[in-house]
Amino acid sequence: MKRKHWVGWAIVLLLSWSNQLYAVDKVDINTADAATLDQVMLGIGSKKAEAIVKYRQEHGVFTSLQDLEKVPGIGAKIVENNKDKLIVSVDVNKADVATLVKMLNGISTELATALVEHRTKQGAFKTVDEIAQVPGWTKEVLERNKERFTILPAVKPETAPK
């Protein structure tokens, strides 16, 4: 009887570990490092992961998953195979109106303008929840786009890349 009990617990333990191994949140292609991209993305190795980061550093943030196809060695098939593992965020403290409209779900020019004007008058957002203070931004609009928002720390001039 003890052996059956022990085997049952071993199975439960193994199943819980396997769920933890495969439970991965979506990875943001605008903030992830090469090691993370290499680990999460199917069909790429460390060289392609490094190429993604290098492209982002040289050309700026990606505005869609399809922008990954601009990276040498990354084609439509790789993007398609990884679309459920990746997100593309926008830094709400740096994005202009056109970028906000392009990258966010259901955002009008008026809402994007209100966000930029609020940021200009009130200063940088410290948390995503502060966006709810922007006139016109309902809880629904905020929730629909919450995973797309990034608030990156400001880079001090002495540490900024040259």
N, C-alpha and C. Protein backbone atom coordinates (compact mmCIF):
# COMPACT_ATOMS: atom_id res chain seq x y z
N MET A 1 0.81 -1.20 0.00
CA MET A 1 0.00 0.00 0.00
C MET A 1 0.85 1.26 0.00
N LYS A 2 1.95 1.22 0.76
CA LYS A 2 2.82 2.39 0.81
C LYS A 2 3.42 2.70 -0.56
N ARG A 3 3.76 1.69 -1.32
CA ARG A 3 4.37 1.90 -2.63
C ARG A 3 3.41 2.62 -3.57
N LYS A 4 2.14 2.24 -3.58
CA LYS A 4 1.14 2.90 -4.42
C LYS A 4 1.01 4.37 -4.02
N HIS A 5 1.02 4.62 -2.75
CA HIS A 5 0.94 5.99 -2.24
C HIS A 5 2.13 6.82 -2.72
N TRP A 6 3.32 6.23 -2.60
CA TRP A 6 4.54 6.93 -3.02
C TRP A 6 4.53 7.19 -4.52
N VAL A 7 4.11 6.22 -5.33
CA VAL A 7 4.05 6.38 -6.79
C VAL A 7 3.06 7.47 -7.15
N GLY A 8 1.93 7.51 -6.47
CA GLY A 8 0.94 8.56 -6.73
C GLY A 8 1.49 9.95 -6.49
N TRP A 9 2.19 10.11 -5.39
CA TRP A 9 2.80 11.41 -5.09
C TRP A 9 3.90 11.77 -6.08
N ALA A 10 4.64 10.79 -6.52
CA ALA A 10 5.69 11.04 -7.51
C ALA A 10 5.08 11.54 -8.81
N ILE A 11 3.99 10.95 -9.22
CA ILE A 11 3.32 11.39 -10.46
C ILE A 11 2.81 12.82 -10.31
N VAL A 12 2.18 13.13 -9.19
CA VAL A 12 1.69 14.49 -8.95
C VAL A 12 2.84 15.50 -9.00
N LEU A 13 3.94 15.15 -8.37
CA LEU A 13 5.10 16.03 -8.34
C LEU A 13 5.67 16.26 -9.74
N LEU A 14 5.80 15.20 -10.50
CA LEU A 14 6.32 15.33 -11.87
C LEU A 14 5.40 16.16 -12.74
N LEU A 15 4.10 15.97 -12.62
CA LEU A 15 3.16 16.77 -13.41
C LEU A 15 3.23 18.23 -13.04
N SER A 16 3.38 18.55 -11.77
CA SER A 16 3.47 19.96 -11.38
C SER A 16 4.75 20.58 -11.90
N TRP A 17 5.85 19.84 -11.89
CA TRP A 17 7.10 20.36 -12.45
C TRP A 17 6.99 20.57 -13.94
N SER A 18 6.36 19.64 -14.65
CA SER A 18 6.26 19.78 -16.10
C SER A 18 5.41 20.98 -16.46
N ASN A 19 4.37 21.27 -15.69
CA ASN A 19 3.56 22.45 -15.96
C ASN A 19 4.38 23.72 -15.76
N GLN A 20 5.25 23.73 -14.76
CA GLN A 20 6.08 24.91 -14.53
C GLN A 20 7.10 25.09 -15.65
N LEU A 21 7.60 24.00 -16.19
CA LEU A 21 8.58 24.10 -17.27
C LEU A 21 7.98 24.71 -18.53
N TYR A 22 6.71 24.43 -18.78
CA TYR A 22 6.10 24.89 -20.02
C TYR A 22 5.24 26.13 -19.84
N ALA A 23 5.06 26.61 -18.64
CA ALA A 23 4.26 27.80 -18.40
C ALA A 23 5.13 29.02 -18.63
N VAL A 24 5.01 29.63 -19.78
CA VAL A 24 5.82 30.78 -20.12
C VAL A 24 4.89 31.92 -20.51
N ASP A 25 5.06 33.08 -19.88
CA ASP A 25 4.31 34.25 -20.29
C ASP A 25 4.82 34.68 -21.65
N LYS A 26 4.05 35.54 -22.29
CA LYS A 26 4.50 36.06 -23.57
C LYS A 26 5.73 36.92 -23.36
N VAL A 27 6.61 36.87 -24.32
CA VAL A 27 7.86 37.62 -24.25
C VAL A 27 7.75 38.85 -25.14
N ASP A 28 8.18 39.97 -24.62
CA ASP A 28 8.13 41.24 -25.34
C ASP A 28 9.37 41.38 -26.21
N ILE A 29 9.17 41.43 -27.52
CA ILE A 29 10.32 41.51 -28.42
C ILE A 29 11.02 42.87 -28.36
N ASN A 30 10.41 43.84 -27.73
CA ASN A 30 11.05 45.15 -27.60
C ASN A 30 11.88 45.31 -26.34
N THR A 31 11.78 44.34 -25.43
CA THR A 31 12.57 44.44 -24.20
C THR A 31 13.37 43.19 -23.87
N ALA A 32 13.06 42.08 -24.51
CA ALA A 32 13.73 40.81 -24.18
C ALA A 32 15.19 40.82 -24.63
N ASP A 33 16.03 40.17 -23.83
CA ASP A 33 17.43 40.02 -24.22
C ASP A 33 17.56 38.77 -25.12
N ALA A 34 18.73 38.60 -25.69
CA ALA A 34 18.97 37.51 -26.63
C ALA A 34 18.77 36.15 -25.98
N ALA A 35 19.21 36.00 -24.75
CA ALA A 35 19.08 34.71 -24.06
C ALA A 35 17.61 34.32 -23.90
N THR A 36 16.77 35.28 -23.56
CA THR A 36 15.34 35.01 -23.40
C THR A 36 14.70 34.65 -24.74
N LEU A 37 15.02 35.40 -25.79
CA LEU A 37 14.48 35.10 -27.11
C LEU A 37 14.91 33.71 -27.57
N ASP A 38 16.16 33.38 -27.35
CA ASP A 38 16.70 32.06 -27.72
C ASP A 38 15.95 30.95 -26.99
N GLN A 39 15.65 31.17 -25.73
CA GLN A 39 15.00 30.16 -24.91
C GLN A 39 13.53 29.97 -25.29
N VAL A 40 12.84 31.05 -25.63
CA VAL A 40 11.39 31.00 -25.83
C VAL A 40 10.99 30.74 -27.28
N MET A 41 11.70 31.32 -28.22
CA MET A 41 11.28 31.24 -29.62
C MET A 41 11.66 29.91 -30.26
N LEU A 42 10.72 29.39 -31.04
CA LEU A 42 10.96 28.17 -31.81
C LEU A 42 11.66 28.53 -33.11
N GLY A 43 12.61 27.71 -33.54
CA GLY A 43 13.24 27.88 -34.84
C GLY A 43 14.37 28.88 -34.89
N ILE A 44 14.80 29.36 -33.75
CA ILE A 44 15.96 30.26 -33.74
C ILE A 44 16.96 29.75 -32.72
N GLY A 45 18.20 30.13 -32.91
CA GLY A 45 19.25 29.82 -31.95
C GLY A 45 19.80 31.12 -31.41
N SER A 46 20.93 31.03 -30.78
CA SER A 46 21.51 32.22 -30.15
C SER A 46 21.90 33.29 -31.18
N LYS A 47 22.36 32.87 -32.35
CA LYS A 47 22.77 33.85 -33.38
C LYS A 47 21.59 34.68 -33.87
N LYS A 48 20.46 34.02 -34.14
CA LYS A 48 19.28 34.76 -34.61
C LYS A 48 18.70 35.61 -33.48
N ALA A 49 18.76 35.11 -32.26
CA ALA A 49 18.30 35.90 -31.12
C ALA A 49 19.14 37.16 -30.98
N GLU A 50 20.45 37.02 -31.12
CA GLU A 50 21.34 38.18 -31.06
C GLU A 50 21.07 39.13 -32.22
N ALA A 51 20.73 38.59 -33.38
CA ALA A 51 20.42 39.43 -34.54
C ALA A 51 19.16 40.25 -34.30
N ILE A 52 18.18 39.67 -33.61
CA ILE A 52 16.95 40.40 -33.28
C ILE A 52 17.26 41.58 -32.38
N VAL A 53 18.04 41.34 -31.34
CA VAL A 53 18.40 42.41 -30.40
C VAL A 53 19.23 43.48 -31.11
N LYS A 54 20.18 43.07 -31.93
CA LYS A 54 21.01 44.03 -32.67
C LYS A 54 20.16 44.88 -33.61
N TYR A 55 19.23 44.26 -34.31
CA TYR A 55 18.35 45.00 -35.22
C TYR A 55 17.54 46.03 -34.43
N ARG A 56 17.00 45.62 -33.29
CA ARG A 56 16.20 46.53 -32.46
C ARG A 56 17.04 47.71 -31.98
N GLN A 57 18.30 47.44 -31.60
CA GLN A 57 19.18 48.51 -31.13
C GLN A 57 19.52 49.49 -32.25
N GLU A 58 19.68 48.98 -33.45
CA GLU A 58 20.08 49.81 -34.59
C GLU A 58 18.91 50.53 -35.26
N HIS A 59 17.72 49.93 -35.23
CA HIS A 59 16.58 50.47 -35.98
C HIS A 59 15.43 50.95 -35.11
N GLY A 60 15.52 50.76 -33.82
CA GLY A 60 14.43 51.16 -32.94
C GLY A 60 13.48 50.01 -32.68
N VAL A 61 12.46 50.29 -31.91
CA VAL A 61 11.53 49.25 -31.48
C VAL A 61 10.74 48.68 -32.66
N PHE A 62 10.31 47.44 -32.47
CA PHE A 62 9.42 46.81 -33.43
C PHE A 62 8.02 47.35 -33.18
N THR A 63 7.26 47.58 -34.24
CA THR A 63 5.88 48.06 -34.07
C THR A 63 4.86 46.95 -34.32
N SER A 64 5.32 45.80 -34.80
CA SER A 64 4.44 44.65 -35.00
C SER A 64 5.30 43.39 -35.01
N LEU A 65 4.67 42.25 -34.84
CA LEU A 65 5.42 40.99 -34.93
C LEU A 65 5.99 40.81 -36.32
N GLN A 66 5.28 41.27 -37.34
CA GLN A 66 5.75 41.13 -38.72
C GLN A 66 7.05 41.90 -38.96
N ASP A 67 7.33 42.91 -38.14
CA ASP A 67 8.61 43.63 -38.25
C ASP A 67 9.80 42.71 -38.02
N LEU A 68 9.58 41.61 -37.32
CA LEU A 68 10.68 40.64 -37.10
C LEU A 68 11.22 40.11 -38.43
N GLU A 69 10.38 40.08 -39.45
CA GLU A 69 10.80 39.57 -40.76
C GLU A 69 11.86 40.46 -41.41
N LYS A 70 12.04 41.66 -40.90
CA LYS A 70 13.09 42.55 -41.41
C LYS A 70 14.46 42.15 -40.91
N VAL A 71 14.50 41.31 -39.87
CA VAL A 71 15.77 40.84 -39.31
C VAL A 71 16.31 39.74 -40.21
N PRO A 72 17.55 39.86 -40.66
CA PRO A 72 18.13 38.81 -41.50
C PRO A 72 18.04 37.44 -40.82
N GLY A 73 17.51 36.47 -41.56
CA GLY A 73 17.39 35.11 -41.04
C GLY A 73 16.05 34.80 -40.38
N ILE A 74 15.22 35.82 -40.21
CA ILE A 74 13.89 35.61 -39.61
C ILE A 74 12.85 35.79 -40.70
N GLY A 75 12.13 34.74 -40.98
CA GLY A 75 11.11 34.79 -42.02
C GLY A 75 9.71 34.67 -41.47
N ALA A 76 8.74 34.68 -42.38
CA ALA A 76 7.33 34.62 -42.01
C ALA A 76 7.00 33.35 -41.23
N LYS A 77 7.66 32.24 -41.57
CA LYS A 77 7.38 30.98 -40.88
C LYS A 77 7.78 31.05 -39.40
N ILE A 78 8.92 31.63 -39.12
CA ILE A 78 9.37 31.78 -37.73
C ILE A 78 8.41 32.68 -36.97
N VAL A 79 8.00 33.78 -37.59
CA VAL A 79 7.05 34.69 -36.94
C VAL A 79 5.74 33.96 -36.67
N GLU A 80 5.23 33.25 -37.65
CA GLU A 80 3.97 32.52 -37.49
C GLU A 80 4.06 31.48 -36.38
N ASN A 81 5.16 30.75 -36.33
CA ASN A 81 5.34 29.69 -35.32
C ASN A 81 5.49 30.24 -33.90
N ASN A 82 5.77 31.53 -33.77
CA ASN A 82 6.01 32.12 -32.45
C ASN A 82 5.00 33.19 -32.06
N LYS A 83 3.99 33.41 -32.88
CA LYS A 83 3.07 34.52 -32.63
C LYS A 83 2.34 34.42 -31.30
N ASP A 84 2.12 33.21 -30.80
CA ASP A 84 1.43 33.06 -29.51
C ASP A 84 2.36 33.20 -28.31
N LYS A 85 3.66 33.30 -28.56
CA LYS A 85 4.65 33.42 -27.48
C LYS A 85 5.18 34.84 -27.32
N LEU A 86 4.85 35.71 -28.27
CA LEU A 86 5.47 37.03 -28.32
C LEU A 86 4.44 38.15 -28.26
N ILE A 87 4.86 39.27 -27.72
CA ILE A 87 4.08 40.51 -27.78
C ILE A 87 5.01 41.63 -28.22
N VAL A 88 4.42 42.71 -28.64
CA VAL A 88 5.16 43.92 -29.03
C VAL A 88 4.63 45.04 -28.15
N SER A 89 5.47 45.56 -27.30
CA SER A 89 5.04 46.63 -26.39
C SER A 89 5.42 48.00 -26.94
N VAL A 90 4.83 48.99 -26.33
CA VAL A 90 5.14 50.38 -26.66
C VAL A 90 5.44 51.11 -25.35
N ASP A 91 6.52 51.85 -25.32
CA ASP A 91 6.88 52.64 -24.14
C ASP A 91 6.03 53.91 -24.15
N VAL A 92 5.06 53.97 -23.24
CA VAL A 92 4.13 55.10 -23.23
C VAL A 92 4.79 56.41 -22.84
N ASN A 93 6.00 56.37 -22.34
CA ASN A 93 6.70 57.61 -22.01
C ASN A 93 7.54 58.14 -23.17
N LYS A 94 7.60 57.39 -24.26
CA LYS A 94 8.40 57.83 -25.40
C LYS A 94 7.63 57.87 -26.71
N ALA A 95 6.56 57.10 -26.80
CA ALA A 95 5.84 56.96 -28.07
C ALA A 95 5.13 58.25 -28.45
N ASP A 96 5.14 58.53 -29.75
CA ASP A 96 4.39 59.67 -30.27
C ASP A 96 2.97 59.22 -30.63
N VAL A 97 2.14 60.16 -31.05
CA VAL A 97 0.74 59.88 -31.35
C VAL A 97 0.62 58.81 -32.43
N ALA A 98 1.36 58.94 -33.51
CA ALA A 98 1.26 57.98 -34.62
C ALA A 98 1.63 56.56 -34.17
N THR A 99 2.66 56.43 -33.35
CA THR A 99 3.07 55.11 -32.87
C THR A 99 2.01 54.50 -31.96
N LEU A 100 1.42 55.30 -31.09
CA LEU A 100 0.37 54.81 -30.21
C LEU A 100 -0.83 54.30 -31.02
N VAL A 101 -1.24 55.08 -32.01
CA VAL A 101 -2.38 54.68 -32.85
C VAL A 101 -2.08 53.38 -33.60
N LYS A 102 -0.86 53.27 -34.10
CA LYS A 102 -0.49 52.08 -34.87
C LYS A 102 -0.38 50.83 -34.01
N MET A 103 0.14 50.97 -32.81
CA MET A 103 0.49 49.80 -32.02
C MET A 103 -0.57 49.36 -31.02
N LEU A 104 -1.50 50.21 -30.67
CA LEU A 104 -2.47 49.85 -29.65
C LEU A 104 -3.81 49.50 -30.26
N ASN A 105 -4.55 48.66 -29.58
CA ASN A 105 -5.81 48.11 -30.06
C ASN A 105 -6.96 49.10 -29.85
N GLY A 106 -7.49 49.63 -30.95
CA GLY A 106 -8.66 50.49 -30.89
C GLY A 106 -8.40 51.88 -30.34
N ILE A 107 -7.20 52.38 -30.50
CA ILE A 107 -6.86 53.71 -29.99
C ILE A 107 -7.02 54.73 -31.12
N SER A 108 -7.83 55.73 -30.86
CA SER A 108 -8.03 56.79 -31.84
C SER A 108 -6.91 57.82 -31.72
N THR A 109 -6.83 58.67 -32.71
CA THR A 109 -5.86 59.77 -32.68
C THR A 109 -6.14 60.67 -31.48
N GLU A 110 -7.41 60.85 -31.16
CA GLU A 110 -7.79 61.71 -30.03
C GLU A 110 -7.28 61.12 -28.70
N LEU A 111 -7.46 59.81 -28.51
CA LEU A 111 -6.98 59.18 -27.27
C LEU A 111 -5.46 59.22 -27.18
N ALA A 112 -4.80 58.97 -28.30
CA ALA A 112 -3.33 59.01 -28.31
C ALA A 112 -2.83 60.43 -28.01
N THR A 113 -3.48 61.41 -28.60
CA THR A 113 -3.11 62.81 -28.36
C THR A 113 -3.32 63.17 -26.89
N ALA A 114 -4.43 62.71 -26.32
CA ALA A 114 -4.70 62.99 -24.90
C ALA A 114 -3.61 62.39 -24.01
N LEU A 115 -3.15 61.18 -24.35
CA LEU A 115 -2.08 60.55 -23.56
C LEU A 115 -0.78 61.35 -23.66
N VAL A 116 -0.41 61.73 -24.87
CA VAL A 116 0.84 62.48 -25.06
C VAL A 116 0.76 63.84 -24.36
N GLU A 117 -0.38 64.52 -24.48
CA GLU A 117 -0.53 65.82 -23.82
C GLU A 117 -0.49 65.68 -22.29
N HIS A 118 -1.12 64.66 -21.76
CA HIS A 118 -1.10 64.42 -20.32
C HIS A 118 0.33 64.16 -19.85
N ARG A 119 1.05 63.35 -20.61
CA ARG A 119 2.44 63.03 -20.27
C ARG A 119 3.31 64.29 -20.31
N THR A 120 3.07 65.15 -21.29
CA THR A 120 3.84 66.39 -21.43
C THR A 120 3.58 67.33 -20.26
N LYS A 121 2.32 67.44 -19.84
CA LYS A 121 1.96 68.35 -18.74
C LYS A 121 2.29 67.78 -17.36
N GLN A 122 2.03 66.49 -17.16
CA GLN A 122 2.14 65.88 -15.83
C GLN A 122 3.47 65.17 -15.59
N GLY A 123 4.23 64.95 -16.64
CA GLY A 123 5.47 64.20 -16.49
C GLY A 123 5.28 62.74 -16.86
N ALA A 124 6.35 62.01 -16.86
CA ALA A 124 6.33 60.61 -17.27
C ALA A 124 5.45 59.76 -16.36
N PHE A 125 4.83 58.76 -16.96
CA PHE A 125 4.05 57.80 -16.20
C PHE A 125 5.01 56.92 -15.40
N LYS A 126 4.66 56.65 -14.16
CA LYS A 126 5.48 55.76 -13.33
C LYS A 126 4.93 54.34 -13.34
N THR A 127 3.61 54.23 -13.53
CA THR A 127 2.96 52.93 -13.61
C THR A 127 1.94 52.95 -14.75
N VAL A 128 1.60 51.78 -15.24
CA VAL A 128 0.59 51.66 -16.29
C VAL A 128 -0.76 52.14 -15.77
N ASP A 129 -1.05 51.88 -14.51
CA ASP A 129 -2.35 52.28 -13.94
C ASP A 129 -2.57 53.79 -13.97
N GLU A 130 -1.52 54.58 -14.00
CA GLU A 130 -1.66 56.04 -14.07
C GLU A 130 -2.30 56.49 -15.38
N ILE A 131 -2.26 55.65 -16.39
CA ILE A 131 -2.85 56.01 -17.68
C ILE A 131 -4.37 56.20 -17.53
N ALA A 132 -4.97 55.58 -16.54
CA ALA A 132 -6.41 55.74 -16.30
C ALA A 132 -6.78 57.19 -15.97
N GLN A 133 -5.80 58.01 -15.59
CA GLN A 133 -6.04 59.41 -15.28
C GLN A 133 -6.14 60.27 -16.53
N VAL A 134 -5.78 59.71 -17.68
CA VAL A 134 -5.82 60.46 -18.93
C VAL A 134 -7.28 60.58 -19.38
N PRO A 135 -7.73 61.79 -19.68
CA PRO A 135 -9.12 61.97 -20.12
C PRO A 135 -9.44 61.09 -21.33
N GLY A 136 -10.57 60.40 -21.24
CA GLY A 136 -11.02 59.55 -22.34
C GLY A 136 -10.58 58.10 -22.25
N TRP A 137 -9.60 57.82 -21.41
CA TRP A 137 -9.10 56.44 -21.29
C TRP A 137 -9.96 55.69 -20.28
N THR A 138 -10.84 54.88 -20.78
CA THR A 138 -11.72 54.10 -19.92
C THR A 138 -10.99 52.86 -19.42
N LYS A 139 -11.57 52.21 -18.43
CA LYS A 139 -10.98 50.97 -17.92
C LYS A 139 -10.92 49.92 -19.03
N GLU A 140 -11.93 49.90 -19.90
CA GLU A 140 -11.97 48.92 -20.98
C GLU A 140 -10.81 49.12 -21.95
N VAL A 141 -10.57 50.38 -22.33
CA VAL A 141 -9.47 50.68 -23.26
C VAL A 141 -8.14 50.33 -22.61
N LEU A 142 -7.99 50.67 -21.35
CA LEU A 142 -6.75 50.38 -20.64
C LEU A 142 -6.53 48.87 -20.52
N GLU A 143 -7.54 48.13 -20.13
CA GLU A 143 -7.40 46.67 -19.97
C GLU A 143 -7.11 46.00 -21.31
N ARG A 144 -7.74 46.47 -22.38
CA ARG A 144 -7.54 45.88 -23.70
C ARG A 144 -6.09 46.01 -24.17
N ASN A 145 -5.40 47.01 -23.68
CA ASN A 145 -4.04 47.29 -24.14
C ASN A 145 -2.97 47.13 -23.06
N LYS A 146 -3.35 46.75 -21.87
CA LYS A 146 -2.43 46.75 -20.73
C LYS A 146 -1.16 45.96 -20.98
N GLU A 147 -1.27 44.79 -21.60
CA GLU A 147 -0.06 43.99 -21.81
C GLU A 147 0.86 44.60 -22.86
N ARG A 148 0.37 45.55 -23.63
CA ARG A 148 1.18 46.18 -24.65
C ARG A 148 1.99 47.37 -24.12
N PHE A 149 1.63 47.88 -22.96
CA PHE A 149 2.32 49.05 -22.39
C PHE A 149 3.61 48.65 -21.70
N THR A 150 4.61 49.44 -21.93
CA THR A 150 5.86 49.30 -21.21
C THR A 150 6.23 50.68 -20.67
N ILE A 151 6.76 50.69 -19.49
CA ILE A 151 7.30 51.93 -18.93
C ILE A 151 8.75 51.63 -18.60
N LEU A 152 9.62 52.05 -19.49
CA LEU A 152 11.04 51.79 -19.32
C LEU A 152 11.66 52.88 -18.47
N PRO A 153 12.64 52.53 -17.66
CA PRO A 153 13.32 53.54 -16.85
C PRO A 153 14.07 54.51 -17.76
N ALA A 154 14.10 55.75 -17.32
CA ALA A 154 14.85 56.75 -18.07
C ALA A 154 16.33 56.42 -18.04
N VAL A 155 17.01 56.64 -19.15
CA VAL A 155 18.44 56.39 -19.22
C VAL A 155 19.16 57.66 -18.83
N LYS A 156 20.05 57.54 -17.85
CA LYS A 156 20.83 58.70 -17.43
C LYS A 156 21.82 59.05 -18.52
N PRO A 157 22.05 60.35 -18.74
CA PRO A 157 22.94 60.76 -19.82
C PRO A 157 24.32 60.09 -19.79
N GLU A 158 24.87 59.88 -18.61
CA GLU A 158 26.21 59.30 -18.54
C GLU A 158 26.22 57.81 -18.89
N THR A 159 25.03 57.15 -18.86
CA THR A 159 24.98 55.73 -19.18
C THR A 159 24.33 55.47 -20.54
N ALA A 160 23.91 56.52 -21.21
CA ALA A 160 23.27 56.35 -22.51
C ALA A 160 24.28 55.81 -23.53
N PRO A 161 23.80 54.91 -24.42
CA PRO A 161 24.71 54.37 -25.44
C PRO A 161 25.21 55.47 -26.36
N LYS A 162 26.44 55.34 -26.80
CA LYS A 162 27.03 56.35 -27.69
C LYS A 162 26.98 55.91 -29.13
